[in-house]
Amino acid sequence: MFAAQTGEAVEYGRLLAPVDGFAAAVDAFRAEGGGGLNVTLPFKPEAFAYARRHTPRAAAAGAVNTLAFDGNDVLGDNTDGPGLVADIERRIGLPLAGARLLLLGAGGAARGVVLPLLEAGVARLAIANRTAATAIALREELALRLGPAHAARLSAGGLDCAEAGFDLVVNATAAGLSDAAPAMPAVAWRGPRLALDMVYGARPTAFMRAALEAGCPRVEDGLGMLVGQAAESFALWRGVRPEAAPVLAALRARLAAAA
């Protein structure tokens, strides 16, 4: 859709790589003249290792979802964070500068968005995870990579430590894939103006339903983030920035029709 919108000639399809054959699959794609790849789970860490150089946001995340090839050069990027920031600020219209954000989860989805959120001016970013030790370990790892200025705005703990006073809550856990919601204390819902689930579908997720029941005035799923990160990848490959809004509307209509 982005190619049609911008007048670019692009062939874009899916490649299934064996679990133990990611590098070989990428090598074969490059040998056929491939110009770049999006990379899904479980290969984002392997894509990071495959890249010869990384953007700062990919280096901070330790994971890559976008590869761009230029001869022998392989650039690794992580566009998840910019996609999330663009969706929150441009489409939803919630400024992140000065905001207090609660990020649920401490896996790959969470680590990929921390630096872009901090660069967008988030005043406080708290990582809350079911296993507190995992969240704390991620915070310490990121603090070393990001430096003291960013690290000062990072905190971490268990889900039961989530407190009142956040402006928005972002769910980066895998719970939504099984239509479950992270167990948050009721006090954590005192204040948020937005609850966003990175999972998306034709119906509201369990997390979105729980947020509404708790009194959160606005909920969103992750489809806007998906389109936003794809737009970032397209711009990296083609040097042309597409418009995300019409593509998001088309995909939303497809989901509604399939429901």
C-alpha atoms as a PDB file:
ATOM      1  CA  MET A   1       0.000   0.000   0.000  1.00  0.00           C
ATOM      2  CA  PHE A   2       2.842   2.398   0.745  1.00  0.00           C
ATOM      3  CA  ALA A   3       4.435   1.562  -2.603  1.00  0.00           C
ATOM      4  CA  ALA A   4       1.205   2.287  -4.467  1.00  0.00           C
ATOM      5  CA  GLN A   5       0.774   5.525  -2.550  1.00  0.00           C
ATOM      6  CA  THR A   6       4.259   6.831  -3.328  1.00  0.00           C
ATOM      7  CA  GLY A   7       4.638   5.524  -6.874  1.00  0.00           C
ATOM      8  CA  GLU A   8       7.469   3.189  -5.884  1.00  0.00           C
ATOM      9  CA  ALA A   9       7.992  -0.189  -7.535  1.00  0.00           C
ATOM     10  CA  VAL A  10       8.276  -2.605  -4.627  1.00  0.00           C
ATOM     11  CA  GLU A  11       7.796  -6.343  -4.345  1.00  0.00           C
ATOM     12  CA  TYR A  12       7.009  -7.199  -0.726  1.00  0.00           C
ATOM     13  CA  GLY A  13       6.185 -10.674   0.533  1.00  0.00           C
ATOM     14  CA  ARG A  14       6.704 -13.108   3.368  1.00  0.00           C
ATOM     15  CA  LEU A  15       9.690 -15.410   3.801  1.00  0.00           C
ATOM     16  CA  LEU A  16       9.589 -18.302   6.244  1.00  0.00           C
ATOM     17  CA  ALA A  17      13.012 -18.906   7.779  1.00  0.00           C
ATOM     18  CA  PRO A  18      13.783 -22.109   9.704  1.00  0.00           C
ATOM     19  CA  VAL A  19      14.253 -21.511  13.420  1.00  0.00           C
ATOM     20  CA  ASP A  20      17.915 -22.513  13.091  1.00  0.00           C
ATOM     21  CA  GLY A  21      18.460 -20.988   9.646  1.00  0.00           C
ATOM     22  CA  PHE A  22      17.871 -17.256   9.878  1.00  0.00           C
ATOM     23  CA  ALA A  23      21.294 -16.123   8.607  1.00  0.00           C
ATOM     24  CA  ALA A  24      21.208 -18.548   5.692  1.00  0.00           C
ATOM     25  CA  ALA A  25      17.733 -17.373   4.690  1.00  0.00           C
ATOM     26  CA  VAL A  26      18.867 -13.734   4.744  1.00  0.00           C
ATOM     27  CA  ASP A  27      21.989 -14.559   2.744  1.00  0.00           C
ATOM     28  CA  ALA A  28      19.859 -16.253   0.082  1.00  0.00           C
ATOM     29  CA  PHE A  29      17.471 -13.294  -0.075  1.00  0.00           C
ATOM     30  CA  ARG A  30      20.347 -10.851  -0.514  1.00  0.00           C
ATOM     31  CA  ALA A  31      21.892 -13.040  -3.229  1.00  0.00           C
ATOM     32  CA  GLU A  32      18.602 -12.786  -5.139  1.00  0.00           C
ATOM     33  CA  GLY A  33      18.809  -8.992  -5.025  1.00  0.00           C
ATOM     34  CA  GLY A  34      16.718  -8.281  -1.949  1.00  0.00           C
ATOM     35  CA  GLY A  35      17.006  -4.734  -0.633  1.00  0.00           C
ATOM     36  CA  GLY A  36      15.706  -5.088   2.903  1.00  0.00           C
ATOM     37  CA  LEU A  37      13.694  -7.102   5.367  1.00  0.00           C
ATOM     38  CA  ASN A  38      11.277  -6.704   8.208  1.00  0.00           C
ATOM     39  CA  VAL A  39      12.050  -9.244  10.910  1.00  0.00           C
ATOM     40  CA  THR A  40       9.525 -10.794  13.278  1.00  0.00           C
ATOM     41  CA  LEU A  41       9.840 -12.911  16.387  1.00  0.00           C
ATOM     42  CA  PRO A  42      11.800 -14.986  17.183  1.00  0.00           C
ATOM     43  CA  PHE A  43      14.574 -13.559  14.975  1.00  0.00           C
ATOM     44  CA  LYS A  44      15.031  -9.985  16.213  1.00  0.00           C
ATOM     45  CA  PRO A  45      18.132 -10.786  18.335  1.00  0.00           C
ATOM     46  CA  GLU A  46      19.620 -12.750  15.431  1.00  0.00           C
ATOM     47  CA  ALA A  47      18.927  -9.839  13.110  1.00  0.00           C
ATOM     48  CA  PHE A  48      20.804  -7.612  15.540  1.00  0.00           C
ATOM     49  CA  ALA A  49      23.804  -9.959  15.359  1.00  0.00           C
ATOM     50  CA  TYR A  50      23.552 -10.172  11.550  1.00  0.00           C
ATOM     51  CA  ALA A  51      23.697  -6.402  11.029  1.00  0.00           C
ATOM     52  CA  ARG A  52      27.127  -4.861  10.541  1.00  0.00           C
ATOM     53  CA  ARG A  53      26.049  -1.554  12.026  1.00  0.00           C
ATOM     54  CA  HIS A  54      23.046  -0.322  13.992  1.00  0.00           C
ATOM     55  CA  THR A  55      20.993   2.803  14.448  1.00  0.00           C
ATOM     56  CA  PRO A  56      21.154   4.222  17.990  1.00  0.00           C
ATOM     57  CA  ARG A  57      17.640   2.990  18.757  1.00  0.00           C
ATOM     58  CA  ALA A  58      18.491  -0.536  17.591  1.00  0.00           C
ATOM     59  CA  ALA A  59      21.696  -0.483  19.632  1.00  0.00           C
ATOM     60  CA  ALA A  60      19.731   0.599  22.702  1.00  0.00           C
ATOM     61  CA  ALA A  61      17.134  -2.133  22.198  1.00  0.00           C
ATOM     62  CA  GLY A  62      19.616  -4.901  21.429  1.00  0.00           C
ATOM     63  CA  ALA A  63      17.111  -6.090  18.826  1.00  0.00           C
ATOM     64  CA  VAL A  64      16.460  -5.369  15.141  1.00  0.00           C
ATOM     65  CA  ASN A  65      13.163  -5.519  13.248  1.00  0.00           C
ATOM     66  CA  THR A  66      14.384  -3.877  10.015  1.00  0.00           C
ATOM     67  CA  LEU A  67      17.410  -4.730   7.879  1.00  0.00           C
ATOM     68  CA  ALA A  68      18.566  -2.586   4.961  1.00  0.00           C
ATOM     69  CA  PHE A  69      21.171  -3.832   2.475  1.00  0.00           C
ATOM     70  CA  ASP A  70      23.592  -1.709   0.447  1.00  0.00           C
ATOM     71  CA  GLY A  71      26.239  -3.901  -1.134  1.00  0.00           C
ATOM     72  CA  ASN A  72      28.167  -5.493   1.712  1.00  0.00           C
ATOM     73  CA  ASP A  73      26.728  -3.067   4.237  1.00  0.00           C
ATOM     74  CA  VAL A  74      23.897  -4.279   6.459  1.00  0.00           C
ATOM     75  CA  LEU A  75      22.127  -1.681   8.583  1.00  0.00           C
ATOM     76  CA  GLY A  76      19.990  -2.862  11.482  1.00  0.00           C
ATOM     77  CA  ASP A  77      17.192  -0.629  12.780  1.00  0.00           C
ATOM     78  CA  ASN A  78      14.351  -0.956  15.250  1.00  0.00           C
ATOM     79  CA  THR A  79      11.306   0.986  14.077  1.00  0.00           C
ATOM     80  CA  ASP A  80       8.867  -0.182  16.766  1.00  0.00           C
ATOM     81  CA  GLY A  81       9.531   2.783  19.044  1.00  0.00           C
ATOM     82  CA  PRO A  82       9.189   5.475  16.369  1.00  0.00           C
ATOM     83  CA  GLY A  83       6.004   3.764  15.200  1.00  0.00           C
ATOM     84  CA  LEU A  84       4.578   3.902  18.721  1.00  0.00           C
ATOM     85  CA  VAL A  85       5.626   7.529  19.264  1.00  0.00           C
ATOM     86  CA  ALA A  86       4.126   8.615  15.930  1.00  0.00           C
ATOM     87  CA  ASP A  87       0.856   6.865  16.682  1.00  0.00           C
ATOM     88  CA  ILE A  88       0.501   8.408  20.144  1.00  0.00           C
ATOM     89  CA  GLU A  89       1.521  11.935  19.166  1.00  0.00           C
ATOM     90  CA  ARG A  90       0.269  12.355  15.600  1.00  0.00           C
ATOM     91  CA  ARG A  91      -2.822  10.195  15.356  1.00  0.00           C
ATOM     92  CA  ILE A  92      -4.031  10.014  18.961  1.00  0.00           C
ATOM     93  CA  GLY A  93      -2.866  13.548  19.703  1.00  0.00           C
ATOM     94  CA  LEU A  94      -1.327  12.991  23.133  1.00  0.00           C
ATOM     95  CA  PRO A  95       1.979  14.877  23.594  1.00  0.00           C
ATOM     96  CA  LEU A  96       4.672  12.740  25.206  1.00  0.00           C
ATOM     97  CA  ALA A  97       6.866  15.630  26.363  1.00  0.00           C
ATOM     98  CA  GLY A  98       6.611  15.756  30.136  1.00  0.00           C
ATOM     99  CA  ALA A  99       4.315  12.707  30.314  1.00  0.00           C
ATOM    100  CA  ARG A 100       4.561   9.928  32.898  1.00  0.00           C
ATOM    101  CA  LEU A 101       4.342   6.541  31.211  1.00  0.00           C
ATOM    102  CA  LEU A 102       3.832   3.065  32.655  1.00  0.00           C
ATOM    103  CA  LEU A 103       5.231   0.358  30.352  1.00  0.00           C
ATOM    104  CA  LEU A 104       3.952  -3.146  31.114  1.00  0.00           C
ATOM    105  CA  GLY A 105       6.323  -5.968  30.216  1.00  0.00           C
ATOM    106  CA  ALA A 106      10.075  -6.436  30.034  1.00  0.00           C
ATOM    107  CA  GLY A 107      10.536  -8.478  26.872  1.00  0.00           C
ATOM    108  CA  GLY A 108      11.585  -7.594  23.350  1.00  0.00           C
ATOM    109  CA  ALA A 109       8.517  -5.462  22.656  1.00  0.00           C
ATOM    110  CA  ALA A 110       9.239  -3.308  25.690  1.00  0.00           C
ATOM    111  CA  ARG A 111      12.964  -2.872  25.116  1.00  0.00           C
ATOM    112  CA  GLY A 112      12.365  -1.761  21.532  1.00  0.00           C
ATOM    113  CA  VAL A 113      10.378   1.340  22.522  1.00  0.00           C
ATOM    114  CA  VAL A 114      12.182   2.723  25.591  1.00  0.00           C
ATOM    115  CA  LEU A 115      14.740   4.986  23.873  1.00  0.00           C
ATOM    116  CA  PRO A 116      12.299   6.567  21.378  1.00  0.00           C
ATOM    117  CA  LEU A 117       9.856   7.263  24.224  1.00  0.00           C
ATOM    118  CA  LEU A 118      12.587   8.928  26.281  1.00  0.00           C
ATOM    119  CA  GLU A 119      13.766  10.901  23.245  1.00  0.00           C
ATOM    120  CA  ALA A 120      10.181  12.085  22.772  1.00  0.00           C
ATOM    121  CA  GLY A 121      10.483  13.757  26.182  1.00  0.00           C
ATOM    122  CA  VAL A 122       8.732  11.341  28.532  1.00  0.00           C
ATOM    123  CA  ALA A 123       9.460  12.678  32.027  1.00  0.00           C
ATOM    124  CA  ARG A 124       9.207   9.315  33.741  1.00  0.00           C
ATOM    125  CA  LEU A 125       9.122   5.820  32.288  1.00  0.00           C
ATOM    126  CA  ALA A 126       8.353   2.989  34.701  1.00  0.00           C
ATOM    127  CA  ILE A 127       8.810  -0.604  33.532  1.00  0.00           C
ATOM    128  CA  ALA A 128       6.477  -2.989  35.380  1.00  0.00           C
ATOM    129  CA  ASN A 129       6.623  -6.735  34.858  1.00  0.00           C
ATOM    130  CA  ARG A 130       5.018  -9.810  36.415  1.00  0.00           C
ATOM    131  CA  THR A 131       8.505 -10.859  37.523  1.00  0.00           C
ATOM    132  CA  ALA A 132      10.012  -7.766  39.121  1.00  0.00           C
ATOM    133  CA  ALA A 133      13.590  -9.032  38.801  1.00  0.00           C
ATOM    134  CA  THR A 134      13.236  -9.165  35.000  1.00  0.00           C
ATOM    135  CA  ALA A 135      12.037  -5.558  34.850  1.00  0.00           C
ATOM    136  CA  ILE A 136      14.847  -4.417  37.143  1.00  0.00           C
ATOM    137  CA  ALA A 137      17.442  -6.271  35.059  1.00  0.00           C
ATOM    138  CA  LEU A 138      16.128  -4.623  31.887  1.00  0.00           C
ATOM    139  CA  ARG A 139      16.258  -1.215  33.536  1.00  0.00           C
ATOM    140  CA  GLU A 140      19.869  -1.747  34.588  1.00  0.00           C
ATOM    141  CA  GLU A 141      20.833  -2.971  31.119  1.00  0.00           C
ATOM    142  CA  LEU A 142      19.176  -0.023  29.420  1.00  0.00           C
ATOM    143  CA  ALA A 143      20.637   2.439  31.910  1.00  0.00           C
ATOM    144  CA  LEU A 144      24.142   1.341  30.922  1.00  0.00           C
ATOM    145  CA  ARG A 145      23.362   1.709  27.222  1.00  0.00           C
ATOM    146  CA  LEU A 146      21.436   4.977  27.386  1.00  0.00           C
ATOM    147  CA  GLY A 147      23.583   6.994  29.777  1.00  0.00           C
ATOM    148  CA  PRO A 148      22.778   8.898  32.984  1.00  0.00           C
ATOM    149  CA  ALA A 149      20.472  11.543  31.491  1.00  0.00           C
ATOM    150  CA  HIS A 150      18.006   8.968  30.175  1.00  0.00           C
ATOM    151  CA  ALA A 151      18.593   6.496  33.019  1.00  0.00           C
ATOM    152  CA  ALA A 152      17.482   9.054  35.597  1.00  0.00           C
ATOM    153  CA  ARG A 153      13.956   8.903  34.153  1.00  0.00           C
ATOM    154  CA  LEU A 154      13.764   5.096  34.200  1.00  0.00           C
ATOM    155  CA  SER A 155      12.401   2.961  37.049  1.00  0.00           C
ATOM    156  CA  ALA A 156      11.341  -0.681  37.290  1.00  0.00           C
ATOM    157  CA  GLY A 157       9.474  -3.129  39.484  1.00  0.00           C
ATOM    158  CA  GLY A 158       6.681  -5.679  39.616  1.00  0.00           C
ATOM    159  CA  LEU A 159       3.131  -5.238  38.373  1.00  0.00           C
ATOM    160  CA  ASP A 160       1.986  -5.019  41.983  1.00  0.00           C
ATOM    161  CA  CYS A 161       4.134  -1.900  42.398  1.00  0.00           C
ATOM    162  CA  ALA A 162       2.263   0.058  39.737  1.00  0.00           C
ATOM    163  CA  GLU A 163       0.997   3.229  41.377  1.00  0.00           C
ATOM    164  CA  ALA A 164      -1.266   6.198  40.710  1.00  0.00           C
ATOM    165  CA  GLY A 165      -0.196   9.254  38.749  1.00  0.00           C
ATOM    166  CA  PHE A 166       0.678   7.975  35.276  1.00  0.00           C
ATOM    167  CA  ASP A 167      -0.605   9.795  32.206  1.00  0.00           C
ATOM    168  CA  LEU A 168      -0.664   6.739  29.961  1.00  0.00           C
ATOM    169  CA  VAL A 169      -0.195   2.985  30.174  1.00  0.00           C
ATOM    170  CA  VAL A 170       1.288   0.908  27.341  1.00  0.00           C
ATOM    171  CA  ASN A 171       0.899  -2.866  27.419  1.00  0.00           C
ATOM    172  CA  ALA A 172       3.918  -4.597  25.872  1.00  0.00           C
ATOM    173  CA  THR A 173       3.274  -8.009  27.459  1.00  0.00           C
ATOM    174  CA  ALA A 174       2.348 -11.118  25.516  1.00  0.00           C
ATOM    175  CA  ALA A 175      -0.812 -11.585  27.598  1.00  0.00           C
ATOM    176  CA  GLY A 176      -3.000 -10.128  24.887  1.00  0.00           C
ATOM    177  CA  LEU A 177      -2.069 -12.913  22.489  1.00  0.00           C
ATOM    178  CA  SER A 178      -4.116 -15.241  24.714  1.00  0.00           C
ATOM    179  CA  ASP A 179      -6.815 -12.601  25.362  1.00  0.00           C
ATOM    180  CA  ALA A 180      -5.617 -11.981  28.902  1.00  0.00           C
ATOM    181  CA  ALA A 181      -4.740  -8.745  30.677  1.00  0.00           C
ATOM    182  CA  PRO A 182      -1.828  -8.073  33.063  1.00  0.00           C
ATOM    183  CA  ALA A 183      -2.986  -8.024  36.699  1.00  0.00           C
ATOM    184  CA  MET A 184      -2.641  -4.370  37.705  1.00  0.00           C
ATOM    185  CA  PRO A 185      -3.662  -2.880  41.054  1.00  0.00           C
ATOM    186  CA  ALA A 186      -6.728  -0.641  40.848  1.00  0.00           C
ATOM    187  CA  VAL A 187      -4.728   2.360  42.071  1.00  0.00           C
ATOM    188  CA  ALA A 188      -2.684   2.342  38.850  1.00  0.00           C
ATOM    189  CA  TRP A 189      -5.771   3.444  36.908  1.00  0.00           C
ATOM    190  CA  ARG A 190      -6.040   6.706  38.819  1.00  0.00           C
ATOM    191  CA  GLY A 191      -4.834   9.225  36.284  1.00  0.00           C
ATOM    192  CA  PRO A 192      -4.123   7.620  32.886  1.00  0.00           C
ATOM    193  CA  ARG A 193      -5.782   9.371  29.946  1.00  0.00           C
ATOM    194  CA  LEU A 194      -4.819   6.613  27.529  1.00  0.00           C
ATOM    195  CA  ALA A 195      -4.281   2.860  27.661  1.00  0.00           C
ATOM    196  CA  LEU A 196      -2.628   1.371  24.571  1.00  0.00           C
ATOM    197  CA  ASP A 197      -2.172  -2.330  23.898  1.00  0.00           C
ATOM    198  CA  MET A 198       0.511  -3.313  21.393  1.00  0.00           C
ATOM    199  CA  VAL A 199      -1.671  -6.280  20.425  1.00  0.00           C
ATOM    200  CA  TYR A 200      -4.376  -5.568  17.848  1.00  0.00           C
ATOM    201  CA  GLY A 201      -7.402  -7.292  16.392  1.00  0.00           C
ATOM    202  CA  ALA A 202     -10.981  -6.875  15.248  1.00  0.00           C
ATOM    203  CA  ARG A 203     -12.235  -6.517  18.833  1.00  0.00           C
ATOM    204  CA  PRO A 204     -10.935  -4.705  21.923  1.00  0.00           C
ATOM    205  CA  THR A 205      -8.298  -6.717  23.766  1.00  0.00           C
ATOM    206  CA  ALA A 206      -8.673  -7.923  27.358  1.00  0.00           C
ATOM    207  CA  PHE A 207      -6.314  -5.138  28.443  1.00  0.00           C
ATOM    208  CA  MET A 208      -8.408  -2.504  26.672  1.00  0.00           C
ATOM    209  CA  ARG A 209     -11.603  -3.857  28.235  1.00  0.00           C
ATOM    210  CA  ALA A 210     -10.004  -3.855  31.694  1.00  0.00           C
ATOM    211  CA  ALA A 211      -8.845  -0.260  31.218  1.00  0.00           C
ATOM    212  CA  LEU A 212     -12.324   0.902  30.245  1.00  0.00           C
ATOM    213  CA  GLU A 213     -13.871  -0.905  33.199  1.00  0.00           C
ATOM    214  CA  ALA A 214     -11.345   0.806  35.469  1.00  0.00           C
ATOM    215  CA  GLY A 215     -12.384   4.225  34.165  1.00  0.00           C
ATOM    216  CA  CYS A 216      -9.659   5.030  31.624  1.00  0.00           C
ATOM    217  CA  PRO A 217     -11.242   7.489  29.154  1.00  0.00           C
ATOM    218  CA  ARG A 218      -9.487   6.254  26.002  1.00  0.00           C
ATOM    219  CA  VAL A 219      -8.110   2.917  24.824  1.00  0.00           C
ATOM    220  CA  GLU A 220      -6.273   2.003  21.635  1.00  0.00           C
ATOM    221  CA  ASP A 221      -4.810  -1.176  20.177  1.00  0.00           C
ATOM    222  CA  GLY A 222      -1.473  -1.631  18.424  1.00  0.00           C
ATOM    223  CA  LEU A 223      -2.594  -1.407  14.795  1.00  0.00           C
ATOM    224  CA  GLY A 224      -1.527   2.228  14.538  1.00  0.00           C
ATOM    225  CA  MET A 225       1.889   1.311  15.934  1.00  0.00           C
ATOM    226  CA  LEU A 226       2.145  -1.524  13.393  1.00  0.00           C
ATOM    227  CA  VAL A 227       1.463   0.831  10.485  1.00  0.00           C
ATOM    228  CA  GLY A 228       3.774   3.464  11.979  1.00  0.00           C
ATOM    229  CA  GLN A 229       6.730   1.116  12.288  1.00  0.00           C
ATOM    230  CA  ALA A 230       6.119  -0.107   8.734  1.00  0.00           C
ATOM    231  CA  ALA A 231       6.183   3.483   7.478  1.00  0.00           C
ATOM    232  CA  GLU A 232       9.548   3.972   9.201  1.00  0.00           C
ATOM    233  CA  SER A 233      10.921   0.855   7.518  1.00  0.00           C
ATOM    234  CA  PHE A 234       9.625   1.962   4.113  1.00  0.00           C
ATOM    235  CA  ALA A 235      11.235   5.377   4.523  1.00  0.00           C
ATOM    236  CA  LEU A 236      14.548   3.732   5.434  1.00  0.00           C
ATOM    237  CA  TRP A 237      14.501   1.505   2.356  1.00  0.00           C
ATOM    238  CA  ARG A 238      13.087   3.891  -0.232  1.00  0.00           C
ATOM    239  CA  GLY A 239      13.935   7.392   0.983  1.00  0.00           C
ATOM    240  CA  VAL A 240      10.256   8.328   0.712  1.00  0.00           C
ATOM    241  CA  ARG A 241       8.021   8.808   3.748  1.00  0.00           C
ATOM    242  CA  PRO A 242       4.503   7.476   3.119  1.00  0.00           C
ATOM    243  CA  GLU A 243       1.256   8.583   4.752  1.00  0.00           C
ATOM    244  CA  ALA A 244       0.223   6.163   7.493  1.00  0.00           C
ATOM    245  CA  ALA A 245      -3.383   7.338   7.991  1.00  0.00           C
ATOM    246  CA  PRO A 246      -5.001   5.944   4.794  1.00  0.00           C
ATOM    247  CA  VAL A 247      -3.207   2.615   5.203  1.00  0.00           C
ATOM    248  CA  LEU A 248      -4.333   2.365   8.821  1.00  0.00           C
ATOM    249  CA  ALA A 249      -7.916   3.097   7.768  1.00  0.00           C
ATOM    250  CA  ALA A 250      -7.776   0.394   5.094  1.00  0.00           C
ATOM    251  CA  LEU A 251      -6.403  -2.211   7.489  1.00  0.00           C
ATOM    252  CA  ARG A 252      -8.960  -1.279  10.141  1.00  0.00           C
ATOM    253  CA  ALA A 253     -11.726  -1.768   7.592  1.00  0.00           C
ATOM    254  CA  ARG A 254     -10.322  -5.186   6.678  1.00  0.00           C
ATOM    255  CA  LEU A 255     -10.322  -6.260  10.322  1.00  0.00           C
ATOM    256  CA  ALA A 256     -13.884  -5.042  10.788  1.00  0.00           C
ATOM    257  CA  ALA A 257     -15.033  -6.922   7.700  1.00  0.00           C
ATOM    258  CA  ALA A 258     -13.389 -10.119   8.917  1.00  0.00           C
ATOM    259  CA  ALA A 259     -14.882  -9.901  12.417  1.00  0.00           C
END
